[in-house]
C-alpha atoms as a PDB file:
ATOM      1  CA  MET A   1     140.768  78.364 101.954  1.00  0.00           C
ATOM      2  CA  VAL A   2     139.643  76.797 105.230  1.00  0.00           C
ATOM      3  CA  ILE A   3     136.845  74.478 106.317  1.00  0.00           C
ATOM      4  CA  LYS A   4     135.757  76.328 109.424  1.00  0.00           C
ATOM      5  CA  ARG A   5     135.577  74.984 112.950  1.00  0.00           C
ATOM      6  CA  LYS A   6     132.281  73.058 113.399  1.00  0.00           C
ATOM      7  CA  GLN A   7     131.232  74.036 109.859  1.00  0.00           C
ATOM      8  CA  PHE A   8     129.272  70.836 109.145  1.00  0.00           C
ATOM      9  CA  MET A   9     129.077  69.505 112.689  1.00  0.00           C
ATOM     10  CA  GLY A  10     126.038  67.278 113.283  1.00  0.00           C
ATOM     11  CA  ASP A  11     124.761  67.463 109.694  1.00  0.00           C
ATOM     12  CA  LYS A  12     122.756  64.217 109.397  1.00  0.00           C
ATOM     13  CA  THR A  13     122.022  64.685 105.676  1.00  0.00           C
ATOM     14  CA  LEU A  14     125.621  64.888 104.427  1.00  0.00           C
ATOM     15  CA  ARG A  15     126.478  61.593 102.686  1.00  0.00           C
ATOM     16  CA  SER A  16     129.537  62.487 100.624  1.00  0.00           C
ATOM     17  CA  TYR A  17     131.618  65.611 100.295  1.00  0.00           C
ATOM     18  CA  VAL A  18     134.403  66.832  98.064  1.00  0.00           C
ATOM     19  CA  ILE A  19     136.438  69.360 100.012  1.00  0.00           C
ATOM     20  CA  PRO A  20     137.058  72.301  97.643  1.00  0.00           C
ATOM     21  CA  LYS A  21     140.316  72.581  95.715  1.00  0.00           C
ATOM     22  CA  GLY A  22     142.848  74.841  97.355  1.00  0.00           C
ATOM     23  CA  THR A  23     141.682  74.107 100.912  1.00  0.00           C
ATOM     24  CA  THR A  24     144.652  74.130 103.300  1.00  0.00           C
ATOM     25  CA  GLU A  25     143.009  73.448 106.654  1.00  0.00           C
ATOM     26  CA  ILE A  26     140.048  71.533 108.086  1.00  0.00           C
ATOM     27  CA  GLY A  27     138.991  73.017 111.412  1.00  0.00           C
ATOM     28  CA  GLU A  28     138.263  71.290 114.706  1.00  0.00           C
ATOM     29  CA  TRP A  29     135.006  69.292 114.740  1.00  0.00           C
ATOM     30  CA  ALA A  30     134.344  70.427 111.153  1.00  0.00           C
ATOM     31  CA  PHE A  31     132.493  67.194 110.233  1.00  0.00           C
ATOM     32  CA  SER A  32     132.041  65.752 113.718  1.00  0.00           C
ATOM     33  CA  GLY A  33     128.782  63.869 114.164  1.00  0.00           C
ATOM     34  CA  CYS A  34     127.977  63.625 110.446  1.00  0.00           C
ATOM     35  CA  LYS A  35     126.440  60.178 110.942  1.00  0.00           C
ATOM     36  CA  ALA A  36     125.577  59.580 107.275  1.00  0.00           C
ATOM     37  CA  LEU A  37     128.901  60.724 105.794  1.00  0.00           C
ATOM     38  CA  SER A  38     130.418  57.733 104.012  1.00  0.00           C
ATOM     39  CA  ARG A  39     132.872  59.295 101.542  1.00  0.00           C
ATOM     40  CA  VAL A  40     135.084  62.361 101.629  1.00  0.00           C
ATOM     41  CA  ALA A  41     137.612  63.561  99.046  1.00  0.00           C
ATOM     42  CA  ILE A  42     140.468  65.673 100.375  1.00  0.00           C
ATOM     43  CA  PRO A  43     142.599  67.909  98.132  1.00  0.00           C
ATOM     44  CA  SER A  44     146.356  67.421  98.276  1.00  0.00           C
ATOM     45  CA  THR A  45     146.668  71.069  99.367  1.00  0.00           C
ATOM     46  CA  VAL A  46     145.401  70.285 102.888  1.00  0.00           C
ATOM     47  CA  GLU A  47     148.203  70.694 105.429  1.00  0.00           C
ATOM     48  CA  HIS A  48     146.339  70.519 108.734  1.00  0.00           C
ATOM     49  CA  ILE A  49     143.293  68.734 110.107  1.00  0.00           C
ATOM     50  CA  GLY A  50     141.967  69.966 113.448  1.00  0.00           C
ATOM     51  CA  ARG A  51     141.142  67.879 116.503  1.00  0.00           C
ATOM     52  CA  ASP A  52     138.159  65.530 116.139  1.00  0.00           C
ATOM     53  CA  ALA A  53     137.348  66.921 112.709  1.00  0.00           C
ATOM     54  CA  PHE A  54     135.734  63.594 111.744  1.00  0.00           C
ATOM     55  CA  ALA A  55     134.829  62.248 115.187  1.00  0.00           C
ATOM     56  CA  ASN A  56     131.644  60.157 115.348  1.00  0.00           C
ATOM     57  CA  CYS A  57     131.425  59.876 111.563  1.00  0.00           C
ATOM     58  CA  ASP A  58     130.289  56.284 112.032  1.00  0.00           C
ATOM     59  CA  GLN A  59     129.692  55.516 108.338  1.00  0.00           C
ATOM     60  CA  LEU A  60     132.896  57.033 106.940  1.00  0.00           C
ATOM     61  CA  LYS A  61     134.508  54.266 104.895  1.00  0.00           C
ATOM     62  CA  VAL A  62     136.405  56.146 102.160  1.00  0.00           C
ATOM     63  CA  ALA A  63     138.678  59.172 102.537  1.00  0.00           C
ATOM     64  CA  SER A  64     140.531  59.675  99.277  1.00  0.00           C
ATOM     65  CA  LEU A  65     143.115  62.241  98.272  1.00  0.00           C
ATOM     66  CA  TYR A  66     142.881  64.185  95.023  1.00  0.00           C
ATOM     67  CA  HIS A  67     145.130  66.588  93.133  1.00  0.00           C
ATOM     68  CA  GLU A  68     144.028  69.769  91.437  1.00  0.00           C
ATOM     69  CA  THR A  69     143.082  67.994  88.236  1.00  0.00           C
ATOM     70  CA  GLU A  70     141.382  64.771  89.326  1.00  0.00           C
ATOM     71  CA  GLU A  71     140.653  62.385  92.167  1.00  0.00           C
ATOM     72  CA  GLU A  72     143.111  59.536  92.554  1.00  0.00           C
ATOM     73  CA  GLU A  73     142.226  55.877  92.544  1.00  0.00           C
ATOM     74  CA  ASP A  74     143.215  55.567  96.180  1.00  0.00           C
ATOM     75  CA  ASP A  75     143.619  51.994  97.418  1.00  0.00           C
ATOM     76  CA  LEU A  76     144.482  53.282 100.891  1.00  0.00           C
ATOM     77  CA  ALA A  77     141.315  55.357 101.269  1.00  0.00           C
ATOM     78  CA  GLY A  78     139.891  52.895 103.813  1.00  0.00           C
ATOM     79  CA  LEU A  79     142.902  53.292 106.081  1.00  0.00           C
ATOM     80  CA  MET A  80     142.743  57.064 105.748  1.00  0.00           C
ATOM     81  CA  ALA A  81     139.095  56.949 106.831  1.00  0.00           C
ATOM     82  CA  ILE A  82     140.068  54.932 109.918  1.00  0.00           C
ATOM     83  CA  ALA A  83     142.786  57.461 110.744  1.00  0.00           C
ATOM     84  CA  LEU A  84     140.371  60.394 110.466  1.00  0.00           C
ATOM     85  CA  ARG A  85     137.742  58.676 112.610  1.00  0.00           C
ATOM     86  CA  TYR A  86     139.863  57.194 115.380  1.00  0.00           C
ATOM     87  CA  PHE A  87     143.442  58.444 115.573  1.00  0.00           C
ATOM     88  CA  LYS A  88     144.742  61.543 117.262  1.00  0.00           C
ATOM     89  CA  THR A  89     145.446  64.258 114.712  1.00  0.00           C
ATOM     90  CA  ASP A  90     148.706  63.591 112.908  1.00  0.00           C
ATOM     91  CA  ASP A  91     149.128  65.883 109.931  1.00  0.00           C
ATOM     92  CA  ARG A  92     151.816  63.624 108.516  1.00  0.00           C
ATOM     93  CA  LEU A  93     149.123  61.136 107.538  1.00  0.00           C
ATOM     94  CA  ILE A  94     147.778  63.836 105.210  1.00  0.00           C
ATOM     95  CA  THR A  95     150.924  65.589 104.044  1.00  0.00           C
ATOM     96  CA  GLU A  96     152.945  62.411 103.506  1.00  0.00           C
ATOM     97  CA  ARG A  97     150.165  60.515 101.773  1.00  0.00           C
ATOM     98  CA  ARG A  98     151.501  62.191  98.640  1.00  0.00           C
ATOM     99  CA  GLY A  99     154.740  60.244  99.057  1.00  0.00           C
ATOM    100  CA  GLY A 100     155.600  56.572  98.916  1.00  0.00           C
ATOM    101  CA  ARG A 101     153.082  53.957 100.013  1.00  0.00           C
ATOM    102  CA  GLU A 102     155.388  51.950 102.286  1.00  0.00           C
ATOM    103  CA  HIS A 103     156.517  55.037 104.196  1.00  0.00           C
ATOM    104  CA  TRP A 104     152.911  56.140 104.689  1.00  0.00           C
ATOM    105  CA  LEU A 105     151.867  52.682 105.859  1.00  0.00           C
ATOM    106  CA  LYS A 106     154.629  52.760 108.451  1.00  0.00           C
ATOM    107  CA  LEU A 107     153.306  56.098 109.749  1.00  0.00           C
ATOM    108  CA  TRP A 108     149.771  54.696 109.809  1.00  0.00           C
ATOM    109  CA  ASP A 109     150.927  51.614 111.696  1.00  0.00           C
ATOM    110  CA  GLU A 110     152.660  53.746 114.317  1.00  0.00           C
ATOM    111  CA  ALA A 111     149.522  55.829 114.805  1.00  0.00           C
ATOM    112  CA  CYS A 112     147.424  52.675 114.986  1.00  0.00           C
ATOM    113  CA  GLU A 113     149.682  51.110 117.628  1.00  0.00           C
ATOM    114  CA  THR A 114     149.284  54.267 119.727  1.00  0.00           C
ATOM    115  CA  PHE A 115     145.515  54.035 119.299  1.00  0.00           C
ATOM    116  CA  LEU A 116     145.475  50.346 120.258  1.00  0.00           C
ATOM    117  CA  ASP A 117     147.572  51.032 123.351  1.00  0.00           C
ATOM    118  CA  SER A 118     145.263  53.795 124.578  1.00  0.00           C
ATOM    119  CA  PRO A 119     143.086  52.864 127.599  1.00  0.00           C
ATOM    120  CA  ASP A 120     139.608  51.618 126.694  1.00  0.00           C
ATOM    121  CA  GLU A 121     138.206  54.072 129.238  1.00  0.00           C
ATOM    122  CA  GLU A 122     139.759  57.073 127.501  1.00  0.00           C
ATOM    123  CA  GLY A 123     137.122  59.689 126.822  1.00  0.00           C
ATOM    124  CA  PHE A 124     134.628  58.282 129.311  1.00  0.00           C
ATOM    125  CA  ARG A 125     133.202  61.015 131.501  1.00  0.00           C
ATOM    126  CA  PRO A 126     131.694  59.689 134.729  1.00  0.00           C
ATOM    127  CA  PHE A 127     128.922  61.718 136.226  1.00  0.00           C
ATOM    128  CA  LEU A 128     128.612  62.782 139.835  1.00  0.00           C
ATOM    129  CA  ALA A 129     125.746  61.073 141.581  1.00  0.00           C
ATOM    130  CA  GLY A 130     124.508  60.363 145.036  1.00  0.00           C
ATOM    131  CA  GLY A 131     122.550  57.105 144.960  1.00  0.00           C
ATOM    132  CA  GLU A 132     123.538  53.478 144.606  1.00  0.00           C
ATOM    133  CA  GLU A 133     121.444  53.102 141.445  1.00  0.00           C
ATOM    134  CA  ASP A 134     123.322  55.991 139.881  1.00  0.00           C
ATOM    135  CA  TYR A 135     126.642  54.244 140.514  1.00  0.00           C
ATOM    136  CA  GLU A 136     125.330  51.006 139.010  1.00  0.00           C
ATOM    137  CA  ASP A 137     124.192  52.904 135.944  1.00  0.00           C
ATOM    138  CA  GLU A 138     127.603  54.536 135.662  1.00  0.00           C
ATOM    139  CA  ALA A 139     129.289  51.125 135.806  1.00  0.00           C
ATOM    140  CA  LYS A 140     127.089  49.894 132.944  1.00  0.00           C
ATOM    141  CA  LYS A 141     127.844  52.997 130.892  1.00  0.00           C
ATOM    142  CA  ARG A 142     131.556  52.587 131.548  1.00  0.00           C
ATOM    143  CA  GLU A 143     131.434  48.947 130.453  1.00  0.00           C
ATOM    144  CA  GLU A 144     129.555  49.849 127.277  1.00  0.00           C
ATOM    145  CA  HIS A 145     132.037  52.645 126.534  1.00  0.00           C
ATOM    146  CA  CYS A 146     134.943  50.218 126.877  1.00  0.00           C
ATOM    147  CA  LYS A 147     133.262  47.644 124.640  1.00  0.00           C
ATOM    148  CA  MET A 148     132.747  50.256 121.931  1.00  0.00           C
ATOM    149  CA  ALA A 149     136.394  51.301 122.261  1.00  0.00           C
ATOM    150  CA  ARG A 150     137.506  47.706 121.708  1.00  0.00           C
ATOM    151  CA  LEU A 151     135.128  47.398 118.755  1.00  0.00           C
ATOM    152  CA  ARG A 152     136.716  50.475 117.156  1.00  0.00           C
ATOM    153  CA  LYS A 153     140.151  48.961 117.741  1.00  0.00           C
ATOM    154  CA  ALA A 154     139.028  45.704 116.119  1.00  0.00           C
ATOM    155  CA  ARG A 155     137.717  47.676 113.142  1.00  0.00           C
ATOM    156  CA  ALA A 156     141.040  49.512 112.736  1.00  0.00           C
ATOM    157  CA  VAL A 157     143.097  46.301 112.818  1.00  0.00           C
ATOM    158  CA  TYR A 158     140.658  44.535 110.492  1.00  0.00           C
ATOM    159  CA  GLU A 159     140.979  47.308 107.905  1.00  0.00           C
ATOM    160  CA  ARG A 160     144.762  47.003 108.105  1.00  0.00           C
ATOM    161  CA  LEU A 161     144.653  43.248 107.606  1.00  0.00           C
ATOM    162  CA  VAL A 162     142.264  43.709 104.677  1.00  0.00           C
ATOM    163  CA  THR A 163     144.797  46.054 103.095  1.00  0.00           C
ATOM    164  CA  TYR A 164     147.482  43.418 103.504  1.00  0.00           C
ATOM    165  CA  GLU A 165     145.191  40.793 101.999  1.00  0.00           C
ATOM    166  CA  ARG A 166     144.307  43.022  99.032  1.00  0.00           C
ATOM    167  CA  LEU A 167     147.682  44.577  98.302  1.00  0.00           C
ATOM    168  CA  MET A 168     149.954  41.937  99.826  1.00  0.00           C
ATOM    169  CA  THR A 169     151.899  44.667 101.545  1.00  0.00           C
ATOM    170  CA  LEU A 170     152.289  45.496 105.206  1.00  0.00           C
ATOM    171  CA  GLY A 171     155.952  46.427 105.456  1.00  0.00           C
ATOM    172  CA  ASP A 172     157.251  43.283 107.144  1.00  0.00           C
ATOM    173  CA  LYS A 173     156.053  39.960 108.521  1.00  0.00           C
ATOM    174  CA  GLU A 174     156.665  41.035 112.096  1.00  0.00           C
ATOM    175  CA  ARG A 175     154.100  43.812 111.790  1.00  0.00           C
ATOM    176  CA  LEU A 176     151.631  41.413 110.178  1.00  0.00           C
ATOM    177  CA  SER A 177     152.025  38.960 113.063  1.00  0.00           C
ATOM    178  CA  ARG A 178     151.647  41.754 115.591  1.00  0.00           C
ATOM    179  CA  PHE A 179     148.388  42.993 114.091  1.00  0.00           C
ATOM    180  CA  GLN A 180     147.045  39.446 113.798  1.00  0.00           C
ATOM    181  CA  ARG A 181     147.855  38.872 117.471  1.00  0.00           C
ATOM    182  CA  ARG A 182     146.107  42.117 118.385  1.00  0.00           C
ATOM    183  CA  PHE A 183     143.068  40.936 116.433  1.00  0.00           C
ATOM    184  CA  ARG A 184     143.000  37.520 118.147  1.00  0.00           C
ATOM    185  CA  GLU A 185     143.240  39.116 121.582  1.00  0.00           C
ATOM    186  CA  ASN A 186     140.382  41.567 120.982  1.00  0.00           C
ATOM    187  CA  ASP A 187     137.194  40.110 122.470  1.00  0.00           C
ATOM    188  CA  MET A 188     135.071  42.259 120.133  1.00  0.00           C
ATOM    189  CA  ALA A 189     136.539  40.830 116.919  1.00  0.00           C
ATOM    190  CA  PHE A 190     133.618  38.430 116.490  1.00  0.00           C
ATOM    191  CA  LYS A 191     131.104  41.176 117.237  1.00  0.00           C
ATOM    192  CA  LEU A 192     132.611  42.937 114.247  1.00  0.00           C
ATOM    193  CA  LEU A 193     132.224  39.814 112.118  1.00  0.00           C
ATOM    194  CA  THR A 194     128.567  39.308 113.003  1.00  0.00           C
ATOM    195  CA  SER A 195     127.368  42.864 112.600  1.00  0.00           C
ATOM    196  CA  GLU A 196     129.441  45.180 110.459  1.00  0.00           C
ATOM    197  CA  LEU A 197     131.558  43.597 107.753  1.00  0.00           C
ATOM    198  CA  GLU A 198     130.974  43.548 104.017  1.00  0.00           C
ATOM    199  CA  CYS A 199     132.647  41.148 101.542  1.00  0.00           C
ATOM    200  CA  PRO A 200     132.154  37.811 103.373  1.00  0.00           C
ATOM    201  CA  ARG A 201     134.968  35.974 101.573  1.00  0.00           C
ATOM    202  CA  GLN A 202     137.421  38.730 102.358  1.00  0.00           C
ATOM    203  CA  ALA A 203     136.352  38.734 106.010  1.00  0.00           C
ATOM    204  CA  PHE A 204     136.633  34.947 106.135  1.00  0.00           C
ATOM    205  CA  ARG A 205     140.214  35.056 104.831  1.00  0.00           C
ATOM    206  CA  VAL A 206     141.246  37.741 107.322  1.00  0.00           C
ATOM    207  CA  TYR A 207     139.806  35.827 110.287  1.00  0.00           C
ATOM    208  CA  GLU A 208     141.242  32.550 109.038  1.00  0.00           C
ATOM    209  CA  CYS A 209     144.754  33.966 108.547  1.00  0.00           C
ATOM    210  CA  ALA A 210     144.571  35.478 112.033  1.00  0.00           C
ATOM    211  CA  GLY A 211     143.915  32.002 113.468  1.00  0.00           C
ATOM    212  CA  LEU A 212     140.431  32.829 114.752  1.00  0.00           C
ATOM    213  CA  LEU A 213     138.342  30.272 112.878  1.00  0.00           C
ATOM    214  CA  THR A 214     138.575  27.304 115.201  1.00  0.00           C
ATOM    215  CA  ARG A 215     135.650  24.872 115.209  1.00  0.00           C
ATOM    216  CA  GLU A 216     134.377  26.269 118.517  1.00  0.00           C
ATOM    217  CA  ASN A 217     134.553  29.856 117.305  1.00  0.00           C
ATOM    218  CA  CYS A 218     132.817  29.021 114.021  1.00  0.00           C
ATOM    219  CA  LEU A 219     129.946  27.317 115.856  1.00  0.00           C
ATOM    220  CA  ARG A 220     129.647  30.255 118.242  1.00  0.00           C
ATOM    221  CA  VAL A 221     129.430  32.725 115.352  1.00  0.00           C
ATOM    222  CA  LEU A 222     126.953  30.570 113.438  1.00  0.00           C
ATOM    223  CA  ASN A 223     124.602  30.715 116.408  1.00  0.00           C
ATOM    224  CA  VAL A 224     124.383  34.501 116.298  1.00  0.00           C
ATOM    225  CA  LEU A 225     124.762  35.339 112.597  1.00  0.00           C
ATOM    226  CA  PRO A 226     121.745  37.135 111.085  1.00  0.00           C
ATOM    227  CA  GLU A 227     119.765  35.046 108.595  1.00  0.00           C
ATOM    228  CA  GLU A 228     120.751  37.289 105.692  1.00  0.00           C
ATOM    229  CA  CYS A 229     124.455  36.388 106.062  1.00  0.00           C
ATOM    230  CA  VAL A 230     124.019  33.391 103.770  1.00  0.00           C
ATOM    231  CA  GLU A 231     127.464  33.393 102.134  1.00  0.00           C
ATOM    232  CA  LEU A 232     129.362  33.797 105.391  1.00  0.00           C
ATOM    233  CA  LYS A 233     127.303  31.023 106.997  1.00  0.00           C
ATOM    234  CA  ALA A 234     128.169  28.695 104.119  1.00  0.00           C
ATOM    235  CA  LEU A 235     131.891  29.446 104.469  1.00  0.00           C
ATOM    236  CA  LEU A 236     131.817  28.840 108.218  1.00  0.00           C
ATOM    237  CA  LEU A 237     129.879  25.591 107.802  1.00  0.00           C
ATOM    238  CA  GLN A 238     132.479  24.382 105.313  1.00  0.00           C
ATOM    239  CA  ARG A 239     135.189  25.286 107.805  1.00  0.00           C
ATOM    240  CA  VAL A 240     133.419  23.372 110.590  1.00  0.00           C
ATOM    241  CA  ALA A 241     133.073  20.334 108.309  1.00  0.00           C
ATOM    242  CA  VAL A 242     136.798  20.381 107.540  1.00  0.00           C
ATOM    243  CA  GLU A 243     137.702  20.798 111.213  1.00  0.00           C
ATOM    244  CA  THR A 244     135.368  17.950 112.192  1.00  0.00           C
ATOM    245  CA  GLN A 245     136.805  15.668 109.515  1.00  0.00           C
ATOM    246  CA  ASP A 246     140.371  16.426 110.606  1.00  0.00           C
ATOM    247  CA  PHE A 247     139.426  15.748 114.234  1.00  0.00           C
ATOM    248  CA  SER A 248     137.900  12.383 113.256  1.00  0.00           C
ATOM    249  CA  LEU A 249     141.076  11.426 111.398  1.00  0.00           C
ATOM    250  CA  GLU A 250     143.138  12.230 114.472  1.00  0.00           C
ATOM    251  CA  LEU A 251     140.964   9.905 116.560  1.00  0.00           C
ATOM    252  CA  ILE A 252     141.541   7.077 114.092  1.00  0.00           C
END
């Protein structure tokens, strides 16, 4: 059984989908542009996923694997969703998900490193134009494209650090440090914090462990946080108070 090429492409009403048992292949662009799709369950029989099968599935947060009898409680479903949305097709991330967790995480990390190393401009298609205004518009579009690329990279690293926080497993400390460094160096990390993240305490711990919650950064985020982010604001204010107190002690 096969999910055909472009079978659900652009379906704005699809919110969750259980791919039928016995499916062996998901075709190119099969779910591309399904903006409302947040959950997908993939049978363990799937051996190949085509190019960009889940591209532009902006709400996809959970991609779990299930066997013929039942869906697994999959604590790596968030990372699988990231892989489907952002990474180049690597069938090993599907076929070897049935194996050991540590081995699969190593494969995911390798794919993520490749994604992080890709140029921010990748996929940008400049248009041919004749006027100066057209070139200025192209420059703005290029800049926005690159910002969105960095935001996706921040999201991928954040999800990996969340997994480490939740499961206390990343493979080795060197990889943890490398991902934390990548997160610190991404100028869109705070954009992610102010606009997209659930579970404020979890987000706070990830940013704190990555060394991002300096007093200056906390104040900068507090200035732009939406009013409804009450819990996160409280945590950041507590952090600022501690930082200020420590600074005062140093002066004494």
